[in-house]
Amino acid sequence: MSQQPPRAMSRLASGVAAAVMLAVCSAASAQTPQGAPSMEERLRTQLRSTTEQLQQAKNELAALKAGGVTAGAPGKDSPEALKKALQEAQQQLAAERQARERLSQDARASQSEVKAVADKANVQIAQYRNAYDELLKLARQADAQRKHLADETAAQRVALAMCKEKNDRLYAVGQEILTAYETMDVATVVAARQPFATQAREVRADRSAVRRQAL
């Protein structure tokens, strides 16, 4: 791009020189006899070429001016644009870091809360387990006492039945004795006592014999 302005200027100078030569040649052709048409034709051809070169040089100068204005404006690859893009990237990176830090803090807080809840649940489970064990122990003791009371009740029922049976027998014997005394006369009483008197005399005789032998 830096070599194009000198080239355009050189083309423009060449065109001006050609125009000057054309003017000189035109003046010379006015003094030349009309018998040399080839010289004029060559000059016209040179003039057309010079005109084309001048137009091309003007176009190149216009393009260079437009390119200079465009180059002077900040583009996407300019240092300012790159610096701005770098700043935006750094800002995005900082925002992402802050977001990750917040997420990490939230995760740590959640872990702490979960751990606290788990610890509390474990304590409650231990308390419930101890209470269950205590209730189970009391239930077993109550069941053992119930069985013991049931055995005692059964034994008492058996003893009560035996006592009732004995009482019934004694009552029957008493009734028989009362009935016998109610129906007994004097002769029966004397006869009933006679065997007891005989046995008493025999006992006294045996004791006397024993004493005599001892003497």
N, C-alpha and C. Protein backbone atom coordinates (compact mmCIF):
# COMPACT_ATOMS: atom_id res chain seq x y z
N MET A 1 0.81 -1.20 0.00
CA MET A 1 0.00 0.00 0.00
C MET A 1 0.86 1.26 0.00
N SER A 2 2.04 1.25 0.59
CA SER A 2 2.90 2.44 0.67
C SER A 2 3.56 2.76 -0.65
N GLN A 3 3.64 1.80 -1.62
CA GLN A 3 4.27 2.04 -2.90
C GLN A 3 3.30 2.53 -3.95
N GLN A 4 1.95 2.45 -3.67
CA GLN A 4 0.97 2.82 -4.68
C GLN A 4 0.90 4.33 -4.90
N PRO A 5 0.98 5.19 -3.89
CA PRO A 5 0.93 6.64 -4.18
C PRO A 5 2.04 7.11 -5.08
N PRO A 6 3.33 6.75 -4.92
CA PRO A 6 4.37 7.18 -5.86
C PRO A 6 4.11 6.70 -7.27
N ARG A 7 3.60 5.47 -7.38
CA ARG A 7 3.33 4.94 -8.72
C ARG A 7 2.23 5.76 -9.39
N ALA A 8 1.19 6.08 -8.64
CA ALA A 8 0.11 6.88 -9.23
C ALA A 8 0.60 8.26 -9.63
N MET A 9 1.46 8.84 -8.79
CA MET A 9 2.01 10.16 -9.12
C MET A 9 2.88 10.11 -10.38
N SER A 10 3.65 9.03 -10.48
CA SER A 10 4.50 8.90 -11.68
C SER A 10 3.65 8.77 -12.93
N ARG A 11 2.53 8.00 -12.78
CA ARG A 11 1.64 7.86 -13.93
C ARG A 11 1.03 9.22 -14.28
N LEU A 12 0.67 9.97 -13.25
CA LEU A 12 0.08 11.28 -13.52
C LEU A 12 1.10 12.21 -14.21
N ALA A 13 2.35 12.17 -13.75
CA ALA A 13 3.42 13.00 -14.41
C ALA A 13 3.64 12.58 -15.85
N SER A 14 3.60 11.26 -16.05
CA SER A 14 3.78 10.77 -17.44
C SER A 14 2.65 11.26 -18.33
N GLY A 15 1.44 11.25 -17.77
CA GLY A 15 0.30 11.72 -18.56
C GLY A 15 0.43 13.20 -18.90
N VAL A 16 0.87 14.00 -17.93
CA VAL A 16 1.04 15.44 -18.18
C VAL A 16 2.11 15.67 -19.25
N ALA A 17 3.22 14.92 -19.12
CA ALA A 17 4.30 15.06 -20.13
C ALA A 17 3.80 14.69 -21.52
N ALA A 18 3.00 13.64 -21.56
CA ALA A 18 2.46 13.22 -22.86
C ALA A 18 1.55 14.29 -23.44
N ALA A 19 0.75 14.93 -22.55
CA ALA A 19 -0.12 16.01 -23.05
C ALA A 19 0.68 17.17 -23.59
N VAL A 20 1.79 17.51 -22.90
CA VAL A 20 2.65 18.60 -23.37
C VAL A 20 3.24 18.25 -24.73
N MET A 21 3.72 17.01 -24.83
CA MET A 21 4.28 16.57 -26.11
C MET A 21 3.21 16.62 -27.20
N LEU A 22 1.97 16.25 -26.84
CA LEU A 22 0.90 16.28 -27.83
C LEU A 22 0.67 17.72 -28.32
N ALA A 23 0.72 18.66 -27.37
CA ALA A 23 0.52 20.06 -27.78
C ALA A 23 1.65 20.53 -28.70
N VAL A 24 2.88 20.16 -28.36
CA VAL A 24 4.03 20.54 -29.21
C VAL A 24 3.91 19.92 -30.59
N CYS A 25 3.56 18.65 -30.56
CA CYS A 25 3.43 17.94 -31.84
C CYS A 25 2.30 18.53 -32.68
N SER A 26 1.20 18.95 -31.97
CA SER A 26 0.10 19.56 -32.73
C SER A 26 0.55 20.86 -33.40
N ALA A 27 1.37 21.63 -32.64
CA ALA A 27 1.89 22.88 -33.25
C ALA A 27 2.83 22.57 -34.40
N ALA A 28 3.62 21.53 -34.23
CA ALA A 28 4.54 21.15 -35.31
C ALA A 28 3.78 20.62 -36.51
N SER A 29 2.69 19.89 -36.23
CA SER A 29 1.91 19.35 -37.35
C SER A 29 1.21 20.46 -38.12
N ALA A 30 0.95 21.56 -37.43
CA ALA A 30 0.34 22.69 -38.14
C ALA A 30 1.32 23.29 -39.15
N GLN A 31 2.62 23.22 -38.85
CA GLN A 31 3.64 23.73 -39.77
C GLN A 31 4.10 22.66 -40.76
N THR A 32 3.75 21.39 -40.50
CA THR A 32 4.18 20.30 -41.38
C THR A 32 3.24 20.21 -42.56
N PRO A 33 3.70 19.82 -43.67
CA PRO A 33 2.81 19.65 -44.82
C PRO A 33 1.81 18.55 -44.56
N GLN A 34 0.70 18.67 -45.31
CA GLN A 34 -0.40 17.73 -45.10
C GLN A 34 -0.09 16.36 -45.68
N GLY A 35 1.08 16.14 -46.13
CA GLY A 35 1.37 14.84 -46.72
C GLY A 35 1.85 13.82 -45.72
N ALA A 36 1.74 14.03 -44.35
CA ALA A 36 2.20 13.05 -43.33
C ALA A 36 1.09 12.74 -42.34
N PRO A 37 0.00 12.03 -42.75
CA PRO A 37 -1.11 11.69 -41.83
C PRO A 37 -0.73 10.64 -40.79
N SER A 38 0.25 9.85 -41.00
CA SER A 38 0.63 8.80 -40.04
C SER A 38 1.13 9.39 -38.74
N MET A 39 1.77 10.53 -38.80
CA MET A 39 2.29 11.18 -37.59
C MET A 39 1.13 11.63 -36.69
N GLU A 40 0.10 12.17 -37.24
CA GLU A 40 -1.06 12.63 -36.47
C GLU A 40 -1.80 11.46 -35.83
N GLU A 41 -1.86 10.41 -36.58
CA GLU A 41 -2.56 9.24 -36.05
C GLU A 41 -1.84 8.67 -34.85
N ARG A 42 -0.51 8.65 -34.96
CA ARG A 42 0.25 8.15 -33.81
C ARG A 42 0.07 9.05 -32.60
N LEU A 43 0.00 10.35 -32.84
CA LEU A 43 -0.19 11.28 -31.72
C LEU A 43 -1.58 11.10 -31.08
N ARG A 44 -2.58 10.86 -31.87
CA ARG A 44 -3.92 10.62 -31.33
C ARG A 44 -3.96 9.34 -30.48
N THR A 45 -3.28 8.33 -30.98
CA THR A 45 -3.22 7.08 -30.21
C THR A 45 -2.51 7.30 -28.88
N GLN A 46 -1.41 8.06 -28.94
CA GLN A 46 -0.70 8.36 -27.70
C GLN A 46 -1.56 9.19 -26.75
N LEU A 47 -2.38 10.07 -27.30
CA LEU A 47 -3.25 10.89 -26.46
C LEU A 47 -4.31 10.02 -25.76
N ARG A 48 -4.88 9.08 -26.48
CA ARG A 48 -5.88 8.20 -25.86
C ARG A 48 -5.25 7.38 -24.73
N SER A 49 -4.02 6.88 -24.98
CA SER A 49 -3.33 6.11 -23.95
C SER A 49 -3.04 6.96 -22.73
N THR A 50 -2.61 8.23 -23.02
CA THR A 50 -2.32 9.12 -21.89
C THR A 50 -3.59 9.43 -21.10
N THR A 51 -4.71 9.62 -21.81
CA THR A 51 -5.98 9.89 -21.12
C THR A 51 -6.40 8.71 -20.23
N GLU A 52 -6.22 7.52 -20.77
CA GLU A 52 -6.55 6.33 -19.98
C GLU A 52 -5.67 6.22 -18.74
N GLN A 53 -4.36 6.56 -18.94
CA GLN A 53 -3.46 6.51 -17.79
C GLN A 53 -3.84 7.55 -16.73
N LEU A 54 -4.23 8.75 -17.20
CA LEU A 54 -4.68 9.77 -16.24
C LEU A 54 -5.94 9.33 -15.47
N GLN A 55 -6.87 8.73 -16.17
CA GLN A 55 -8.10 8.25 -15.51
C GLN A 55 -7.79 7.15 -14.51
N GLN A 56 -6.89 6.26 -14.90
CA GLN A 56 -6.50 5.19 -13.99
C GLN A 56 -5.80 5.74 -12.76
N ALA A 57 -4.93 6.79 -13.00
CA ALA A 57 -4.24 7.40 -11.86
C ALA A 57 -5.24 8.09 -10.93
N LYS A 58 -6.26 8.77 -11.50
CA LYS A 58 -7.28 9.39 -10.67
C LYS A 58 -8.05 8.34 -9.84
N ASN A 59 -8.38 7.25 -10.50
CA ASN A 59 -9.10 6.18 -9.78
C ASN A 59 -8.26 5.61 -8.64
N GLU A 60 -6.96 5.43 -8.93
CA GLU A 60 -6.08 4.91 -7.88
C GLU A 60 -5.96 5.89 -6.72
N LEU A 61 -5.86 7.20 -7.05
CA LEU A 61 -5.80 8.19 -5.98
C LEU A 61 -7.08 8.19 -5.14
N ALA A 62 -8.22 8.09 -5.81
CA ALA A 62 -9.49 8.03 -5.07
C ALA A 62 -9.56 6.79 -4.19
N ALA A 63 -9.08 5.67 -4.76
CA ALA A 63 -9.08 4.43 -3.96
C ALA A 63 -8.14 4.54 -2.78
N LEU A 64 -6.97 5.19 -3.01
CA LEU A 64 -6.02 5.37 -1.91
C LEU A 64 -6.61 6.26 -0.83
N LYS A 65 -7.30 7.34 -1.24
CA LYS A 65 -7.93 8.20 -0.24
C LYS A 65 -9.00 7.45 0.55
N ALA A 66 -9.82 6.71 -0.17
CA ALA A 66 -10.85 5.91 0.53
C ALA A 66 -10.22 4.87 1.43
N GLY A 67 -9.15 4.22 0.96
CA GLY A 67 -8.45 3.23 1.79
C GLY A 67 -7.81 3.86 2.99
N GLY A 68 -7.29 5.07 2.85
CA GLY A 68 -6.68 5.75 3.99
C GLY A 68 -7.71 6.05 5.05
N VAL A 69 -8.87 6.53 4.63
CA VAL A 69 -9.93 6.80 5.60
C VAL A 69 -10.39 5.53 6.28
N THR A 70 -10.50 4.47 5.49
CA THR A 70 -10.92 3.19 6.07
C THR A 70 -9.87 2.65 7.01
N ALA A 71 -8.59 2.78 6.61
CA ALA A 71 -7.52 2.29 7.49
C ALA A 71 -7.44 3.10 8.75
N GLY A 72 -7.78 4.42 8.64
CA GLY A 72 -7.73 5.23 9.86
C GLY A 72 -8.83 4.88 10.83
N ALA A 73 -9.95 4.36 10.33
CA ALA A 73 -11.05 3.99 11.24
C ALA A 73 -10.70 2.71 11.98
N PRO A 74 -11.12 2.56 13.26
CA PRO A 74 -10.81 1.35 14.04
C PRO A 74 -11.55 0.15 13.50
N GLY A 75 -10.85 -0.91 13.16
CA GLY A 75 -11.43 -2.16 12.68
C GLY A 75 -11.43 -3.22 13.76
N LYS A 76 -11.89 -4.42 13.38
CA LYS A 76 -11.96 -5.50 14.37
C LYS A 76 -10.59 -6.02 14.75
N ASP A 77 -9.57 -5.77 13.88
CA ASP A 77 -8.21 -6.22 14.19
C ASP A 77 -7.33 -5.09 14.71
N SER A 78 -7.91 -3.92 14.98
CA SER A 78 -7.11 -2.81 15.48
C SER A 78 -6.72 -3.05 16.93
N PRO A 79 -5.68 -2.39 17.44
CA PRO A 79 -5.27 -2.56 18.85
C PRO A 79 -6.37 -2.20 19.82
N GLU A 80 -7.15 -1.12 19.48
CA GLU A 80 -8.23 -0.74 20.40
C GLU A 80 -9.29 -1.84 20.49
N ALA A 81 -9.63 -2.42 19.33
CA ALA A 81 -10.62 -3.49 19.34
C ALA A 81 -10.10 -4.72 20.07
N LEU A 82 -8.83 -5.06 19.83
CA LEU A 82 -8.25 -6.21 20.53
C LEU A 82 -8.19 -5.97 22.03
N LYS A 83 -7.83 -4.75 22.43
CA LYS A 83 -7.77 -4.42 23.86
C LYS A 83 -9.16 -4.52 24.49
N LYS A 84 -10.16 -4.00 23.76
CA LYS A 84 -11.52 -4.08 24.27
C LYS A 84 -11.99 -5.53 24.39
N ALA A 85 -11.67 -6.35 23.38
CA ALA A 85 -12.04 -7.76 23.44
C ALA A 85 -11.34 -8.46 24.60
N LEU A 86 -10.06 -8.10 24.84
CA LEU A 86 -9.32 -8.69 25.95
C LEU A 86 -9.96 -8.31 27.29
N GLN A 87 -10.35 -7.03 27.41
CA GLN A 87 -11.00 -6.60 28.64
C GLN A 87 -12.33 -7.34 28.85
N GLU A 88 -13.09 -7.50 27.78
CA GLU A 88 -14.36 -8.23 27.89
C GLU A 88 -14.12 -9.68 28.29
N ALA A 89 -13.08 -10.30 27.70
CA ALA A 89 -12.77 -11.69 28.06
C ALA A 89 -12.35 -11.80 29.52
N GLN A 90 -11.53 -10.81 29.98
CA GLN A 90 -11.13 -10.82 31.39
C GLN A 90 -12.32 -10.63 32.31
N GLN A 91 -13.24 -9.75 31.93
CA GLN A 91 -14.44 -9.55 32.73
C GLN A 91 -15.29 -10.83 32.78
N GLN A 92 -15.45 -11.48 31.64
CA GLN A 92 -16.19 -12.74 31.62
C GLN A 92 -15.52 -13.80 32.48
N LEU A 93 -14.17 -13.87 32.40
CA LEU A 93 -13.44 -14.83 33.21
C LEU A 93 -13.62 -14.54 34.70
N ALA A 94 -13.55 -13.26 35.08
CA ALA A 94 -13.76 -12.90 36.48
C ALA A 94 -15.17 -13.24 36.94
N ALA A 95 -16.16 -12.99 36.05
CA ALA A 95 -17.54 -13.34 36.40
C ALA A 95 -17.71 -14.84 36.58
N GLU A 96 -17.08 -15.62 35.68
CA GLU A 96 -17.15 -17.07 35.80
C GLU A 96 -16.47 -17.55 37.08
N ARG A 97 -15.34 -16.93 37.44
CA ARG A 97 -14.68 -17.30 38.69
C ARG A 97 -15.56 -16.99 39.90
N GLN A 98 -16.18 -15.82 39.88
CA GLN A 98 -17.09 -15.47 40.97
C GLN A 98 -18.26 -16.44 41.05
N ALA A 99 -18.79 -16.81 39.88
CA ALA A 99 -19.90 -17.77 39.87
C ALA A 99 -19.46 -19.12 40.43
N ARG A 100 -18.27 -19.58 40.02
CA ARG A 100 -17.76 -20.85 40.55
C ARG A 100 -17.52 -20.77 42.05
N GLU A 101 -17.02 -19.61 42.51
CA GLU A 101 -16.78 -19.44 43.95
C GLU A 101 -18.10 -19.48 44.72
N ARG A 102 -19.13 -18.81 44.16
CA ARG A 102 -20.44 -18.85 44.81
C ARG A 102 -20.99 -20.27 44.83
N LEU A 103 -20.84 -20.98 43.72
CA LEU A 103 -21.30 -22.36 43.68
C LEU A 103 -20.55 -23.22 44.69
N SER A 104 -19.23 -22.99 44.79
CA SER A 104 -18.44 -23.74 45.76
C SER A 104 -18.87 -23.43 47.19
N GLN A 105 -19.12 -22.15 47.47
CA GLN A 105 -19.60 -21.78 48.81
C GLN A 105 -20.96 -22.39 49.09
N ASP A 106 -21.85 -22.34 48.10
CA ASP A 106 -23.17 -22.95 48.27
C ASP A 106 -23.05 -24.45 48.51
N ALA A 107 -22.14 -25.09 47.76
CA ALA A 107 -21.94 -26.53 47.94
C ALA A 107 -21.41 -26.84 49.34
N ARG A 108 -20.44 -26.02 49.80
CA ARG A 108 -19.92 -26.25 51.16
C ARG A 108 -21.00 -26.02 52.20
N ALA A 109 -21.81 -24.97 52.00
CA ALA A 109 -22.90 -24.72 52.95
C ALA A 109 -23.91 -25.87 52.94
N SER A 110 -24.21 -26.37 51.74
CA SER A 110 -25.15 -27.50 51.64
C SER A 110 -24.57 -28.74 52.32
N GLN A 111 -23.28 -28.99 52.12
CA GLN A 111 -22.65 -30.13 52.77
C GLN A 111 -22.70 -29.99 54.29
N SER A 112 -22.46 -28.77 54.78
CA SER A 112 -22.52 -28.54 56.23
C SER A 112 -23.94 -28.79 56.75
N GLU A 113 -24.94 -28.29 56.01
CA GLU A 113 -26.32 -28.51 56.43
C GLU A 113 -26.68 -29.99 56.41
N VAL A 114 -26.26 -30.68 55.35
CA VAL A 114 -26.55 -32.11 55.26
C VAL A 114 -25.87 -32.87 56.40
N LYS A 115 -24.63 -32.50 56.72
CA LYS A 115 -23.92 -33.16 57.81
C LYS A 115 -24.61 -32.90 59.15
N ALA A 116 -25.05 -31.65 59.35
CA ALA A 116 -25.75 -31.33 60.60
C ALA A 116 -27.05 -32.12 60.72
N VAL A 117 -27.79 -32.20 59.62
CA VAL A 117 -29.04 -32.96 59.63
C VAL A 117 -28.77 -34.44 59.88
N ALA A 118 -27.71 -34.97 59.24
CA ALA A 118 -27.37 -36.39 59.42
C ALA A 118 -26.95 -36.66 60.87
N ASP A 119 -26.15 -35.75 61.45
CA ASP A 119 -25.74 -35.93 62.84
C ASP A 119 -26.95 -35.90 63.77
N LYS A 120 -27.85 -34.95 63.54
CA LYS A 120 -29.05 -34.87 64.37
C LYS A 120 -29.90 -36.12 64.21
N ALA A 121 -30.02 -36.60 62.98
CA ALA A 121 -30.79 -37.82 62.74
C ALA A 121 -30.15 -39.02 63.44
N ASN A 122 -28.82 -39.10 63.41
CA ASN A 122 -28.13 -40.20 64.08
C ASN A 122 -28.36 -40.15 65.59
N VAL A 123 -28.33 -38.93 66.15
CA VAL A 123 -28.58 -38.79 67.59
C VAL A 123 -30.00 -39.24 67.93
N GLN A 124 -30.97 -38.80 67.13
CA GLN A 124 -32.35 -39.20 67.36
C GLN A 124 -32.53 -40.71 67.20
N ILE A 125 -31.86 -41.28 66.21
CA ILE A 125 -31.96 -42.73 66.02
C ILE A 125 -31.39 -43.46 67.23
N ALA A 126 -30.25 -42.97 67.75
CA ALA A 126 -29.67 -43.59 68.94
C ALA A 126 -30.62 -43.47 70.13
N GLN A 127 -31.26 -42.30 70.28
CA GLN A 127 -32.22 -42.13 71.37
C GLN A 127 -33.41 -43.08 71.21
N TYR A 128 -33.94 -43.16 70.00
CA TYR A 128 -35.06 -44.06 69.75
C TYR A 128 -34.66 -45.51 70.00
N ARG A 129 -33.44 -45.86 69.62
CA ARG A 129 -32.98 -47.23 69.82
C ARG A 129 -32.86 -47.54 71.31
N ASN A 130 -32.31 -46.59 72.07
CA ASN A 130 -32.20 -46.80 73.52
C ASN A 130 -33.58 -46.92 74.15
N ALA A 131 -34.50 -46.04 73.71
CA ALA A 131 -35.86 -46.11 74.25
C ALA A 131 -36.52 -47.44 73.89
N TYR A 132 -36.30 -47.90 72.66
CA TYR A 132 -36.87 -49.19 72.25
C TYR A 132 -36.30 -50.34 73.07
N ASP A 133 -34.98 -50.30 73.28
CA ASP A 133 -34.36 -51.35 74.09
C ASP A 133 -34.91 -51.34 75.51
N GLU A 134 -35.12 -50.14 76.07
CA GLU A 134 -35.66 -50.04 77.43
C GLU A 134 -37.09 -50.56 77.48
N LEU A 135 -37.89 -50.17 76.48
CA LEU A 135 -39.27 -50.68 76.42
C LEU A 135 -39.31 -52.18 76.24
N LEU A 136 -38.41 -52.71 75.41
CA LEU A 136 -38.36 -54.15 75.22
C LEU A 136 -37.98 -54.86 76.51
N LYS A 137 -37.04 -54.27 77.25
CA LYS A 137 -36.64 -54.85 78.53
C LYS A 137 -37.81 -54.85 79.52
N LEU A 138 -38.52 -53.72 79.59
CA LEU A 138 -39.68 -53.64 80.47
C LEU A 138 -40.77 -54.62 80.04
N ALA A 139 -40.97 -54.76 78.74
CA ALA A 139 -41.98 -55.70 78.25
C ALA A 139 -41.63 -57.13 78.62
N ARG A 140 -40.35 -57.47 78.50
CA ARG A 140 -39.93 -58.82 78.88
C ARG A 140 -40.11 -59.05 80.38
N GLN A 141 -39.75 -58.04 81.18
CA GLN A 141 -39.95 -58.17 82.62
C GLN A 141 -41.43 -58.32 82.96
N ALA A 142 -42.27 -57.52 82.31
CA ALA A 142 -43.71 -57.62 82.55
C ALA A 142 -44.24 -58.98 82.13
N ASP A 143 -43.75 -59.51 81.02
CA ASP A 143 -44.19 -60.83 80.57
C ASP A 143 -43.76 -61.91 81.57
N ALA A 144 -42.52 -61.79 82.08
CA ALA A 144 -42.05 -62.76 83.08
C ALA A 144 -42.90 -62.67 84.34
N GLN A 145 -43.20 -61.45 84.79
CA GLN A 145 -44.05 -61.30 85.97
C GLN A 145 -45.45 -61.86 85.72
N ARG A 146 -45.96 -61.62 84.51
CA ARG A 146 -47.29 -62.15 84.20
C ARG A 146 -47.30 -63.67 84.26
N LYS A 147 -46.25 -64.29 83.69
CA LYS A 147 -46.17 -65.75 83.75
C LYS A 147 -46.04 -66.24 85.19
N HIS A 148 -45.23 -65.53 86.00
CA HIS A 148 -45.07 -65.91 87.40
C HIS A 148 -46.39 -65.80 88.15
N LEU A 149 -47.11 -64.70 87.91
CA LEU A 149 -48.41 -64.53 88.55
C LEU A 149 -49.40 -65.58 88.07
N ALA A 150 -49.32 -65.92 86.79
CA ALA A 150 -50.21 -66.96 86.28
C ALA A 150 -49.92 -68.30 86.95
N ASP A 151 -48.61 -68.62 87.12
CA ASP A 151 -48.26 -69.87 87.81
C ASP A 151 -48.73 -69.84 89.26
N GLU A 152 -48.52 -68.72 89.94
CA GLU A 152 -48.97 -68.61 91.33
C GLU A 152 -50.49 -68.73 91.42
N THR A 153 -51.18 -68.10 90.47
CA THR A 153 -52.64 -68.19 90.48
C THR A 153 -53.10 -69.63 90.27
N ALA A 154 -52.44 -70.34 89.35
CA ALA A 154 -52.79 -71.75 89.12
C ALA A 154 -52.53 -72.58 90.38
N ALA A 155 -51.36 -72.32 91.03
CA ALA A 155 -51.05 -73.06 92.26
C ALA A 155 -52.07 -72.74 93.35
N GLN A 156 -52.44 -71.47 93.47
CA GLN A 156 -53.44 -71.10 94.47
C GLN A 156 -54.79 -71.74 94.18
N ARG A 157 -55.12 -71.84 92.91
CA ARG A 157 -56.38 -72.50 92.56
C ARG A 157 -56.35 -73.98 92.94
N VAL A 158 -55.21 -74.62 92.68
CA VAL A 158 -55.08 -76.04 93.06
C VAL A 158 -55.18 -76.18 94.58
N ALA A 159 -54.44 -75.31 95.31
CA ALA A 159 -54.49 -75.38 96.78
C ALA A 159 -55.89 -75.09 97.29
N LEU A 160 -56.58 -74.12 96.67
CA LEU A 160 -57.94 -73.80 97.08
C LEU A 160 -58.88 -74.98 96.83
N ALA A 161 -58.68 -75.64 95.69
CA ALA A 161 -59.51 -76.81 95.40
C ALA A 161 -59.27 -77.92 96.43
N MET A 162 -57.99 -78.14 96.80
CA MET A 162 -57.67 -79.16 97.80
C MET A 162 -58.26 -78.79 99.17
N CYS A 163 -58.13 -77.51 99.53
CA CYS A 163 -58.71 -77.07 100.81
C CYS A 163 -60.22 -77.24 100.82
N LYS A 164 -60.82 -76.90 99.69
CA LYS A 164 -62.27 -77.04 99.60
C LYS A 164 -62.68 -78.51 99.73
N GLU A 165 -61.88 -79.39 99.09
CA GLU A 165 -62.18 -80.82 99.18
C GLU A 165 -62.03 -81.31 100.63
N LYS A 166 -60.97 -80.89 101.32
CA LYS A 166 -60.77 -81.29 102.72
C LYS A 166 -61.88 -80.74 103.62
N ASN A 167 -62.24 -79.49 103.37
CA ASN A 167 -63.32 -78.91 104.16
C ASN A 167 -64.63 -79.66 103.95
N ASP A 168 -64.85 -80.05 102.68
CA ASP A 168 -66.07 -80.83 102.41
C ASP A 168 -66.05 -82.16 103.16
N ARG A 169 -64.87 -82.80 103.17
CA ARG A 169 -64.76 -84.08 103.87
C ARG A 169 -64.95 -83.89 105.38
N LEU A 170 -64.28 -82.88 105.94
CA LEU A 170 -64.43 -82.62 107.37
C LEU A 170 -65.87 -82.28 107.73
N TYR A 171 -66.47 -81.51 106.85
CA TYR A 171 -67.86 -81.17 107.10
C TYR A 171 -68.74 -82.42 107.08
N ALA A 172 -68.46 -83.31 106.13
CA ALA A 172 -69.24 -84.55 106.06
C ALA A 172 -69.03 -85.41 107.31
N VAL A 173 -67.76 -85.51 107.78
CA VAL A 173 -67.47 -86.29 108.99
C VAL A 173 -68.16 -85.67 110.20
N GLY A 174 -68.09 -84.35 110.27
CA GLY A 174 -68.76 -83.68 111.39
C GLY A 174 -70.25 -83.91 111.38
N GLN A 175 -70.82 -83.86 110.21
CA GLN A 175 -72.25 -84.14 110.10
C GLN A 175 -72.57 -85.56 110.52
N GLU A 176 -71.71 -86.50 110.12
CA GLU A 176 -71.94 -87.90 110.54
C GLU A 176 -71.85 -88.04 112.06
N ILE A 177 -70.84 -87.35 112.66
CA ILE A 177 -70.68 -87.45 114.12
C ILE A 177 -71.89 -86.85 114.82
N LEU A 178 -72.33 -85.68 114.33
CA LEU A 178 -73.49 -85.06 114.94
C LEU A 178 -74.72 -85.95 114.81
N THR A 179 -74.86 -86.54 113.66
CA THR A 179 -76.00 -87.42 113.45
C THR A 179 -75.93 -88.64 114.37
N ALA A 180 -74.70 -89.16 114.53
CA ALA A 180 -74.54 -90.34 115.42
C ALA A 180 -74.85 -89.99 116.87
N TYR A 181 -74.37 -88.84 117.33
CA TYR A 181 -74.66 -88.45 118.72
C TYR A 181 -76.14 -88.14 118.92
N GLU A 182 -76.74 -87.63 117.89
CA GLU A 182 -78.16 -87.34 118.03
C GLU A 182 -78.99 -88.62 118.14
N THR A 183 -78.58 -89.68 117.50
CA THR A 183 -79.33 -90.94 117.50
C THR A 183 -78.82 -91.96 118.51
N MET A 184 -77.78 -91.64 119.29
CA MET A 184 -77.17 -92.61 120.22
C MET A 184 -77.92 -92.57 121.58
N ASP A 185 -78.17 -93.82 122.17
CA ASP A 185 -78.79 -93.92 123.50
C ASP A 185 -77.73 -94.22 124.56
N VAL A 186 -78.12 -94.43 125.83
CA VAL A 186 -77.18 -94.65 126.95
C VAL A 186 -76.45 -95.97 126.80
N ALA A 187 -77.12 -97.02 126.42
CA ALA A 187 -76.47 -98.34 126.28
C ALA A 187 -75.40 -98.28 125.20
N THR A 188 -75.68 -97.59 124.16
CA THR A 188 -74.70 -97.48 123.08
C THR A 188 -73.48 -96.71 123.54
N VAL A 189 -73.70 -95.70 124.38
CA VAL A 189 -72.58 -94.91 124.89
C VAL A 189 -71.71 -95.76 125.80
N VAL A 190 -72.34 -96.56 126.71
CA VAL A 190 -71.58 -97.41 127.62
C VAL A 190 -70.82 -98.46 126.83
N ALA A 191 -71.44 -99.03 125.84
CA ALA A 191 -70.76 -100.05 125.03
C ALA A 191 -69.61 -99.44 124.25
N ALA A 192 -69.80 -98.21 123.87
CA ALA A 192 -68.73 -97.56 123.12
C ALA A 192 -67.54 -97.25 124.01
N ARG A 193 -67.82 -97.00 125.34
CA ARG A 193 -66.73 -96.67 126.24
C ARG A 193 -66.04 -97.92 126.76
N GLN A 194 -66.66 -99.07 126.79
CA GLN A 194 -66.10 -100.30 127.36
C GLN A 194 -64.77 -100.68 126.73
N PRO A 195 -64.63 -100.72 125.49
CA PRO A 195 -63.32 -101.08 124.91
C PRO A 195 -62.22 -100.14 125.36
N PHE A 196 -62.53 -98.89 125.52
CA PHE A 196 -61.51 -97.93 125.97
C PHE A 196 -61.10 -98.21 127.41
N ALA A 197 -62.04 -98.64 128.27
CA ALA A 197 -61.72 -98.96 129.67
C ALA A 197 -60.86 -100.20 129.76
N THR A 198 -61.15 -101.20 128.97
CA THR A 198 -60.34 -102.43 128.96
C THR A 198 -58.93 -102.13 128.51
N GLN A 199 -58.80 -101.36 127.52
CA GLN A 199 -57.46 -101.01 127.03
C GLN A 199 -56.69 -100.22 128.08
N ALA A 200 -57.38 -99.39 128.82
CA ALA A 200 -56.71 -98.60 129.87
C ALA A 200 -56.21 -99.51 130.98
N ARG A 201 -56.98 -100.54 131.40
CA ARG A 201 -56.54 -101.46 132.44
C ARG A 201 -55.34 -102.26 131.96
N GLU A 202 -55.34 -102.67 130.72
CA GLU A 202 -54.21 -103.43 130.19
C GLU A 202 -52.94 -102.59 130.18
N VAL A 203 -53.08 -101.36 129.85
CA VAL A 203 -51.92 -100.47 129.83
C VAL A 203 -51.36 -100.30 131.24
N ARG A 204 -52.24 -100.15 132.26
CA ARG A 204 -51.76 -100.00 133.63
C ARG A 204 -51.08 -101.27 134.11
N ALA A 205 -51.56 -102.43 133.73
CA ALA A 205 -50.95 -103.71 134.13
C ALA A 205 -49.58 -103.85 133.51
N ASP A 206 -49.45 -103.48 132.31
CA ASP A 206 -48.14 -103.56 131.65
C ASP A 206 -47.13 -102.63 132.33
N ARG A 207 -47.55 -101.50 132.73
CA ARG A 207 -46.65 -100.57 133.38
C ARG A 207 -46.22 -101.11 134.76
N SER A 208 -47.14 -101.73 135.47
CA SER A 208 -46.79 -102.29 136.80
C SER A 208 -45.80 -103.42 136.64
N ALA A 209 -45.94 -104.27 135.63
CA ALA A 209 -45.01 -105.38 135.41
C ALA A 209 -43.64 -104.85 135.06
N VAL A 210 -43.62 -103.82 134.32
CA VAL A 210 -42.31 -103.24 133.95
C VAL A 210 -41.62 -102.69 135.18
N ARG A 211 -42.37 -102.08 136.08
CA ARG A 211 -41.77 -101.53 137.29
C ARG A 211 -41.23 -102.65 138.19
N ARG A 212 -41.98 -103.70 138.33
CA ARG A 212 -41.52 -104.80 139.18
C ARG A 212 -40.24 -105.41 138.60
N GLN A 213 -40.17 -105.55 137.33
CA GLN A 213 -38.95 -106.11 136.75
C GLN A 213 -37.77 -105.17 136.96
N ALA A 214 -38.04 -103.96 136.97
CA ALA A 214 -36.95 -103.01 137.17
C ALA A 214 -36.44 -103.06 138.60
N LEU A 215 -37.28 -103.36 139.58
CA LEU A 215 -36.86 -103.47 140.97
C LEU A 215 -36.11 -104.78 141.18
